[in-house]
Amino acid sequence: MATAPTDSRKLERANAQDVYEVTEKDLPVCCPMPGMTPWNSHPRVYLAIEVSGEAQCPYCGALYRLRRDD
């Protein structure tokens, strides 16, 4: 029986929160974000967050807020 390869990175469950705070180093923002398990989520979508400071995912409704460190 074949086994799935193991990955040493710890991945977050996709779409686990309603609101995500991101920083400028996370740009461009996509949902699900890198580091989230992609197999149990919706297709990746990029969100235009730079101008307004927040964007909502059209698939899961998660809200992404841009934290600017001025």
PDB file of N, CA and C in Angstrom:
ATOM      1  N   MET A   1       0.842  -1.166   0.000  1.00  0.00           N
ATOM      2  CA  MET A   1       0.000   0.000   0.000  1.00  0.00           C
ATOM      3  C   MET A   1       0.891   1.234   0.000  1.00  0.00           C
ATOM      4  N   ALA A   2       0.587   2.195  -0.873  1.00  0.00           N
ATOM      5  CA  ALA A   2       1.361   3.435  -0.956  1.00  0.00           C
ATOM      6  C   ALA A   2       0.930   4.384   0.146  1.00  0.00           C
ATOM      7  N   THR A   3       1.871   5.132   0.644  1.00  0.00           N
ATOM      8  CA  THR A   3       1.555   6.133   1.662  1.00  0.00           C
ATOM      9  C   THR A   3       1.804   7.511   1.089  1.00  0.00           C
ATOM     10  N   ALA A   4       1.089   8.476   1.594  1.00  0.00           N
ATOM     11  CA  ALA A   4       1.251   9.859   1.147  1.00  0.00           C
ATOM     12  C   ALA A   4       2.578  10.392   1.655  1.00  0.00           C
ATOM     13  N   PRO A   5       3.247  11.211   0.851  1.00  0.00           N
ATOM     14  CA  PRO A   5       4.498  11.797   1.312  1.00  0.00           C
ATOM     15  C   PRO A   5       4.247  12.719   2.495  1.00  0.00           C
ATOM     16  N   THR A   6       5.195  12.776   3.384  1.00  0.00           N
ATOM     17  CA  THR A   6       5.058  13.660   4.534  1.00  0.00           C
ATOM     18  C   THR A   6       5.780  14.967   4.259  1.00  0.00           C
ATOM     19  N   ASP A   7       5.306  16.007   4.844  1.00  0.00           N
ATOM     20  CA  ASP A   7       5.879  17.340   4.674  1.00  0.00           C
ATOM     21  C   ASP A   7       6.201  17.864   6.061  1.00  0.00           C
ATOM     22  N   SER A   8       7.403  18.387   6.243  1.00  0.00           N
ATOM     23  CA  SER A   8       7.822  18.846   7.564  1.00  0.00           C
ATOM     24  C   SER A   8       7.196  20.183   7.936  1.00  0.00           C
ATOM     25  N   ARG A   9       6.608  20.905   6.965  1.00  0.00           N
ATOM     26  CA  ARG A   9       5.966  22.178   7.276  1.00  0.00           C
ATOM     27  C   ARG A   9       4.627  21.917   7.952  1.00  0.00           C
ATOM     28  N   LYS A  10       4.289  22.769   8.894  1.00  0.00           N
ATOM     29  CA  LYS A  10       2.985  22.656   9.532  1.00  0.00           C
ATOM     30  C   LYS A  10       2.032  23.600   8.803  1.00  0.00           C
ATOM     31  N   LEU A  11       1.000  23.038   8.195  1.00  0.00           N
ATOM     32  CA  LEU A  11       0.044  23.830   7.435  1.00  0.00           C
ATOM     33  C   LEU A  11      -1.184  24.122   8.275  1.00  0.00           C
ATOM     34  N   GLU A  12      -1.747  25.328   8.105  1.00  0.00           N
ATOM     35  CA  GLU A  12      -2.986  25.694   8.768  1.00  0.00           C
ATOM     36  C   GLU A  12      -4.158  25.121   7.986  1.00  0.00           C
ATOM     37  N   ARG A  13      -5.246  24.917   8.666  1.00  0.00           N
ATOM     38  CA  ARG A  13      -6.462  24.508   7.984  1.00  0.00           C
ATOM     39  C   ARG A  13      -6.987  25.704   7.204  1.00  0.00           C
ATOM     40  N   ALA A  14      -7.313  25.522   5.954  1.00  0.00           N
ATOM     41  CA  ALA A  14      -7.801  26.607   5.102  1.00  0.00           C
ATOM     42  C   ALA A  14      -9.172  27.074   5.568  1.00  0.00           C
ATOM     43  N   ASN A  15      -9.407  28.363   5.456  1.00  0.00           N
ATOM     44  CA  ASN A  15     -10.706  28.968   5.760  1.00  0.00           C
ATOM     45  C   ASN A  15     -11.152  28.712   7.195  1.00  0.00           C
ATOM     46  N   ALA A  16     -10.205  28.713   8.119  1.00  0.00           N
ATOM     47  CA  ALA A  16     -10.517  28.428   9.513  1.00  0.00           C
ATOM     48  C   ALA A  16     -10.993  29.657  10.274  1.00  0.00           C
ATOM     49  N   GLN A  17     -10.735  30.842   9.756  1.00  0.00           N
ATOM     50  CA  GLN A  17     -11.105  32.076  10.443  1.00  0.00           C
ATOM     51  C   GLN A  17     -12.039  32.895   9.567  1.00  0.00           C
ATOM     52  N   ASP A  18     -12.748  33.831  10.194  1.00  0.00           N
ATOM     53  CA  ASP A  18     -13.605  34.743   9.451  1.00  0.00           C
ATOM     54  C   ASP A  18     -12.852  35.991   9.029  1.00  0.00           C
ATOM     55  N   VAL A  19     -11.830  36.382   9.824  1.00  0.00           N
ATOM     56  CA  VAL A  19     -11.048  37.590   9.549  1.00  0.00           C
ATOM     57  C   VAL A  19      -9.568  37.247   9.661  1.00  0.00           C
ATOM     58  N   TYR A  20      -8.810  37.679   8.661  1.00  0.00           N
ATOM     59  CA  TYR A  20      -7.358  37.491   8.660  1.00  0.00           C
ATOM     60  C   TYR A  20      -6.704  38.859   8.570  1.00  0.00           C
ATOM     61  N   GLU A  21      -5.718  39.101   9.418  1.00  0.00           N
ATOM     62  CA  GLU A  21      -4.942  40.341   9.345  1.00  0.00           C
ATOM     63  C   GLU A  21      -3.644  40.023   8.615  1.00  0.00           C
ATOM     64  N   VAL A  22      -3.371  40.794   7.572  1.00  0.00           N
ATOM     65  CA  VAL A  22      -2.171  40.585   6.768  1.00  0.00           C
ATOM     66  C   VAL A  22      -1.340  41.856   6.762  1.00  0.00           C
ATOM     67  N   THR A  23      -0.080  41.731   6.395  1.00  0.00           N
ATOM     68  CA  THR A  23       0.811  42.879   6.306  1.00  0.00           C
ATOM     69  C   THR A  23       1.273  43.053   4.859  1.00  0.00           C
ATOM     70  N   GLU A  24       1.975  44.125   4.600  1.00  0.00           N
ATOM     71  CA  GLU A  24       2.456  44.397   3.249  1.00  0.00           C
ATOM     72  C   GLU A  24       3.394  43.311   2.737  1.00  0.00           C
ATOM     73  N   LYS A  25       4.089  42.616   3.625  1.00  0.00           N
ATOM     74  CA  LYS A  25       4.976  41.536   3.178  1.00  0.00           C
ATOM     75  C   LYS A  25       4.182  40.332   2.668  1.00  0.00           C
ATOM     76  N   ASP A  26       2.880  40.256   2.976  1.00  0.00           N
ATOM     77  CA  ASP A  26       2.019  39.168   2.504  1.00  0.00           C
ATOM     78  C   ASP A  26       1.457  39.425   1.102  1.00  0.00           C
ATOM     79  N   LEU A  27       1.669  40.635   0.573  1.00  0.00           N
ATOM     80  CA  LEU A  27       1.122  40.986  -0.743  1.00  0.00           C
ATOM     81  C   LEU A  27       1.822  40.226  -1.838  1.00  0.00           C
ATOM     82  N   PRO A  28       1.170  39.831  -2.884  1.00  0.00           N
ATOM     83  CA  PRO A  28      -0.269  39.924  -3.107  1.00  0.00           C
ATOM     84  C   PRO A  28      -1.008  38.905  -2.244  1.00  0.00           C
ATOM     85  N   VAL A  29      -2.209  39.276  -1.799  1.00  0.00           N
ATOM     86  CA  VAL A  29      -2.997  38.433  -0.911  1.00  0.00           C
ATOM     87  C   VAL A  29      -3.880  37.509  -1.745  1.00  0.00           C
ATOM     88  N   CYS A  30      -3.886  36.245  -1.358  1.00  0.00           N
ATOM     89  CA  CYS A  30      -4.765  35.285  -2.008  1.00  0.00           C
ATOM     90  C   CYS A  30      -5.459  34.456  -0.938  1.00  0.00           C
ATOM     91  N   CYS A  31      -6.576  33.897  -1.306  1.00  0.00           N
ATOM     92  CA  CYS A  31      -7.322  33.017  -0.410  1.00  0.00           C
ATOM     93  C   CYS A  31      -7.545  31.712  -1.150  1.00  0.00           C
ATOM     94  N   PRO A  32      -7.181  30.582  -0.589  1.00  0.00           N
ATOM     95  CA  PRO A  32      -6.443  30.419   0.649  1.00  0.00           C
ATOM     96  C   PRO A  32      -5.002  30.902   0.508  1.00  0.00           C
ATOM     97  N   MET A  33      -4.432  31.297   1.631  1.00  0.00           N
ATOM     98  CA  MET A  33      -3.080  31.829   1.651  1.00  0.00           C
ATOM     99  C   MET A  33      -2.049  30.704   1.625  1.00  0.00           C
ATOM    100  N   PRO A  34      -0.822  31.021   1.182  1.00  0.00           N
ATOM    101  CA  PRO A  34       0.252  30.027   1.279  1.00  0.00           C
ATOM    102  C   PRO A  34       0.386  29.585   2.741  1.00  0.00           C
ATOM    103  N   GLY A  35       0.660  28.357   2.953  1.00  0.00           N
ATOM    104  CA  GLY A  35       0.758  27.832   4.314  1.00  0.00           C
ATOM    105  C   GLY A  35      -0.537  27.225   4.807  1.00  0.00           C
ATOM    106  N   MET A  36      -1.583  27.286   3.978  1.00  0.00           N
ATOM    107  CA  MET A  36      -2.855  26.650   4.321  1.00  0.00           C
ATOM    108  C   MET A  36      -3.005  25.390   3.480  1.00  0.00           C
ATOM    109  N   THR A  37      -3.674  24.416   4.032  1.00  0.00           N
ATOM    110  CA  THR A  37      -3.883  23.182   3.289  1.00  0.00           C
ATOM    111  C   THR A  37      -4.769  23.451   2.079  1.00  0.00           C
ATOM    112  N   PRO A  38      -4.266  23.187   0.876  1.00  0.00           N
ATOM    113  CA  PRO A  38      -5.048  23.500  -0.324  1.00  0.00           C
ATOM    114  C   PRO A  38      -6.063  22.431  -0.710  1.00  0.00           C
ATOM    115  N   TRP A  39      -5.921  21.233  -0.218  1.00  0.00           N
ATOM    116  CA  TRP A  39      -6.747  20.125  -0.689  1.00  0.00           C
ATOM    117  C   TRP A  39      -8.202  20.198  -0.248  1.00  0.00           C
ATOM    118  N   ASN A  40      -8.500  20.912   0.827  1.00  0.00           N
ATOM    119  CA  ASN A  40      -9.877  20.956   1.315  1.00  0.00           C
ATOM    120  C   ASN A  40     -10.459  22.360   1.251  1.00  0.00           C
ATOM    121  N   SER A  41     -10.076  23.104   0.228  1.00  0.00           N
ATOM    122  CA  SER A  41     -10.513  24.487   0.129  1.00  0.00           C
ATOM    123  C   SER A  41     -11.034  24.772  -1.273  1.00  0.00           C
ATOM    124  N   HIS A  42     -11.389  26.010  -1.486  1.00  0.00           N
ATOM    125  CA  HIS A  42     -11.853  26.465  -2.796  1.00  0.00           C
ATOM    126  C   HIS A  42     -10.661  26.833  -3.674  1.00  0.00           C
ATOM    127  N   PRO A  43     -10.868  27.096  -4.961  1.00  0.00           N
ATOM    128  CA  PRO A  43      -9.759  27.513  -5.827  1.00  0.00           C
ATOM    129  C   PRO A  43      -9.126  28.803  -5.314  1.00  0.00           C
ATOM    130  N   ARG A  44      -7.836  28.956  -5.537  1.00  0.00           N
ATOM    131  CA  ARG A  44      -7.132  30.154  -5.095  1.00  0.00           C
ATOM    132  C   ARG A  44      -7.625  31.369  -5.875  1.00  0.00           C
ATOM    133  N   VAL A  45      -7.881  32.453  -5.150  1.00  0.00           N
ATOM    134  CA  VAL A  45      -8.315  33.710  -5.745  1.00  0.00           C
ATOM    135  C   VAL A  45      -7.469  34.829  -5.140  1.00  0.00           C
ATOM    136  N   TYR A  46      -7.007  35.739  -5.982  1.00  0.00           N
ATOM    137  CA  TYR A  46      -6.219  36.875  -5.510  1.00  0.00           C
ATOM    138  C   TYR A  46      -7.143  38.038  -5.203  1.00  0.00           C
ATOM    139  N   LEU A  47      -6.863  38.731  -4.101  1.00  0.00           N
ATOM    140  CA  LEU A  47      -7.735  39.789  -3.610  1.00  0.00           C
ATOM    141  C   LEU A  47      -7.052  41.147  -3.704  1.00  0.00           C
ATOM    142  N   ALA A  48      -7.757  42.127  -4.242  1.00  0.00           N
ATOM    143  CA  ALA A  48      -7.246  43.493  -4.350  1.00  0.00           C
ATOM    144  C   ALA A  48      -7.472  44.199  -3.015  1.00  0.00           C
ATOM    145  N   ILE A  49      -6.437  44.273  -2.221  1.00  0.00           N
ATOM    146  CA  ILE A  49      -6.552  44.787  -0.854  1.00  0.00           C
ATOM    147  C   ILE A  49      -5.778  46.093  -0.664  1.00  0.00           C
ATOM    148  N   GLU A  50      -4.896  46.409  -1.598  1.00  0.00           N
ATOM    149  CA  GLU A  50      -3.956  47.515  -1.410  1.00  0.00           C
ATOM    150  C   GLU A  50      -4.630  48.879  -1.268  1.00  0.00           C
ATOM    151  N   VAL A  51      -5.658  49.169  -2.028  1.00  0.00           N
ATOM    152  CA  VAL A  51      -6.262  50.501  -2.022  1.00  0.00           C
ATOM    153  C   VAL A  51      -7.166  50.725  -0.819  1.00  0.00           C
ATOM    154  N   SER A  52      -8.134  49.844  -0.615  1.00  0.00           N
ATOM    155  CA  SER A  52      -9.121  50.055   0.450  1.00  0.00           C
ATOM    156  C   SER A  52      -8.649  49.565   1.814  1.00  0.00           C
ATOM    157  N   GLY A  53      -7.672  48.642   1.827  1.00  0.00           N
ATOM    158  CA  GLY A  53      -7.182  48.116   3.101  1.00  0.00           C
ATOM    159  C   GLY A  53      -7.875  46.859   3.553  1.00  0.00           C
ATOM    160  N   GLU A  54      -8.900  46.418   2.806  1.00  0.00           N
ATOM    161  CA  GLU A  54      -9.537  45.151   3.121  1.00  0.00           C
ATOM    162  C   GLU A  54     -10.232  44.604   1.891  1.00  0.00           C
ATOM    163  N   ALA A  55     -10.424  43.291   1.900  1.00  0.00           N
ATOM    164  CA  ALA A  55     -11.114  42.616   0.804  1.00  0.00           C
ATOM    165  C   ALA A  55     -11.734  41.339   1.344  1.00  0.00           C
ATOM    166  N   GLN A  56     -12.841  40.939   0.719  1.00  0.00           N
ATOM    167  CA  GLN A  56     -13.547  39.733   1.144  1.00  0.00           C
ATOM    168  C   GLN A  56     -13.461  38.685   0.045  1.00  0.00           C
ATOM    169  N   CYS A  57     -13.184  37.470   0.444  1.00  0.00           N
ATOM    170  CA  CYS A  57     -13.093  36.359  -0.495  1.00  0.00           C
ATOM    171  C   CYS A  57     -14.489  36.050  -1.045  1.00  0.00           C
ATOM    172  N   PRO A  58     -14.632  35.999  -2.378  1.00  0.00           N
ATOM    173  CA  PRO A  58     -15.944  35.704  -2.951  1.00  0.00           C
ATOM    174  C   PRO A  58     -16.386  34.249  -2.771  1.00  0.00           C
ATOM    175  N   TYR A  59     -15.464  33.362  -2.436  1.00  0.00           N
ATOM    176  CA  TYR A  59     -15.808  31.949  -2.244  1.00  0.00           C
ATOM    177  C   TYR A  59     -16.254  31.647  -0.821  1.00  0.00           C
ATOM    178  N   CYS A  60     -15.412  31.985   0.153  1.00  0.00           N
ATOM    179  CA  CYS A  60     -15.693  31.571   1.530  1.00  0.00           C
ATOM    180  C   CYS A  60     -16.143  32.718   2.435  1.00  0.00           C
ATOM    181  N   GLY A  61     -16.024  33.962   1.953  1.00  0.00           N
ATOM    182  CA  GLY A  61     -16.467  35.100   2.743  1.00  0.00           C
ATOM    183  C   GLY A  61     -15.460  35.599   3.764  1.00  0.00           C
ATOM    184  N   ALA A  62     -14.269  35.001   3.817  1.00  0.00           N
ATOM    185  CA  ALA A  62     -13.252  35.458   4.776  1.00  0.00           C
ATOM    186  C   ALA A  62     -12.861  36.896   4.449  1.00  0.00           C
ATOM    187  N   LEU A  63     -12.716  37.707   5.474  1.00  0.00           N
ATOM    188  CA  LEU A  63     -12.330  39.100   5.313  1.00  0.00           C
ATOM    189  C   LEU A  63     -10.842  39.230   5.601  1.00  0.00           C
ATOM    190  N   TYR A  64     -10.128  39.877   4.700  1.00  0.00           N
ATOM    191  CA  TYR A  64      -8.692  40.116   4.854  1.00  0.00           C
ATOM    192  C   TYR A  64      -8.494  41.602   5.083  1.00  0.00           C
ATOM    193  N   ARG A  65      -7.775  41.945   6.157  1.00  0.00           N
ATOM    194  CA  ARG A  65      -7.493  43.338   6.493  1.00  0.00           C
ATOM    195  C   ARG A  65      -5.992  43.576   6.430  1.00  0.00           C
ATOM    196  N   LEU A  66      -5.637  44.674   5.790  1.00  0.00           N
ATOM    197  CA  LEU A  66      -4.226  45.036   5.637  1.00  0.00           C
ATOM    198  C   LEU A  66      -3.807  45.905   6.810  1.00  0.00           C
ATOM    199  N   ARG A  67      -2.825  45.441   7.552  1.00  0.00           N
ATOM    200  CA  ARG A  67      -2.270  46.207   8.671  1.00  0.00           C
ATOM    201  C   ARG A  67      -1.052  46.936   8.152  1.00  0.00           C
ATOM    202  N   ARG A  68      -1.112  48.235   8.158  1.00  0.00           N
ATOM    203  CA  ARG A  68       0.013  49.039   7.693  1.00  0.00           C
ATOM    204  C   ARG A  68       0.811  49.489   8.900  1.00  0.00           C
ATOM    205  N   ASP A  69       2.087  49.173   8.883  1.00  0.00           N
ATOM    206  CA  ASP A  69       2.991  49.572   9.970  1.00  0.00           C
ATOM    207  C   ASP A  69       3.676  50.854   9.566  1.00  0.00           C
ATOM    208  N   ASP A  70       3.047  51.997   9.852  1.00  0.00           N
ATOM    209  CA  ASP A  70       3.613  53.312   9.492  1.00  0.00           C
ATOM    210  C   ASP A  70       4.488  53.852  10.575  1.00  0.00           C
TER     211      ASP A  70
END
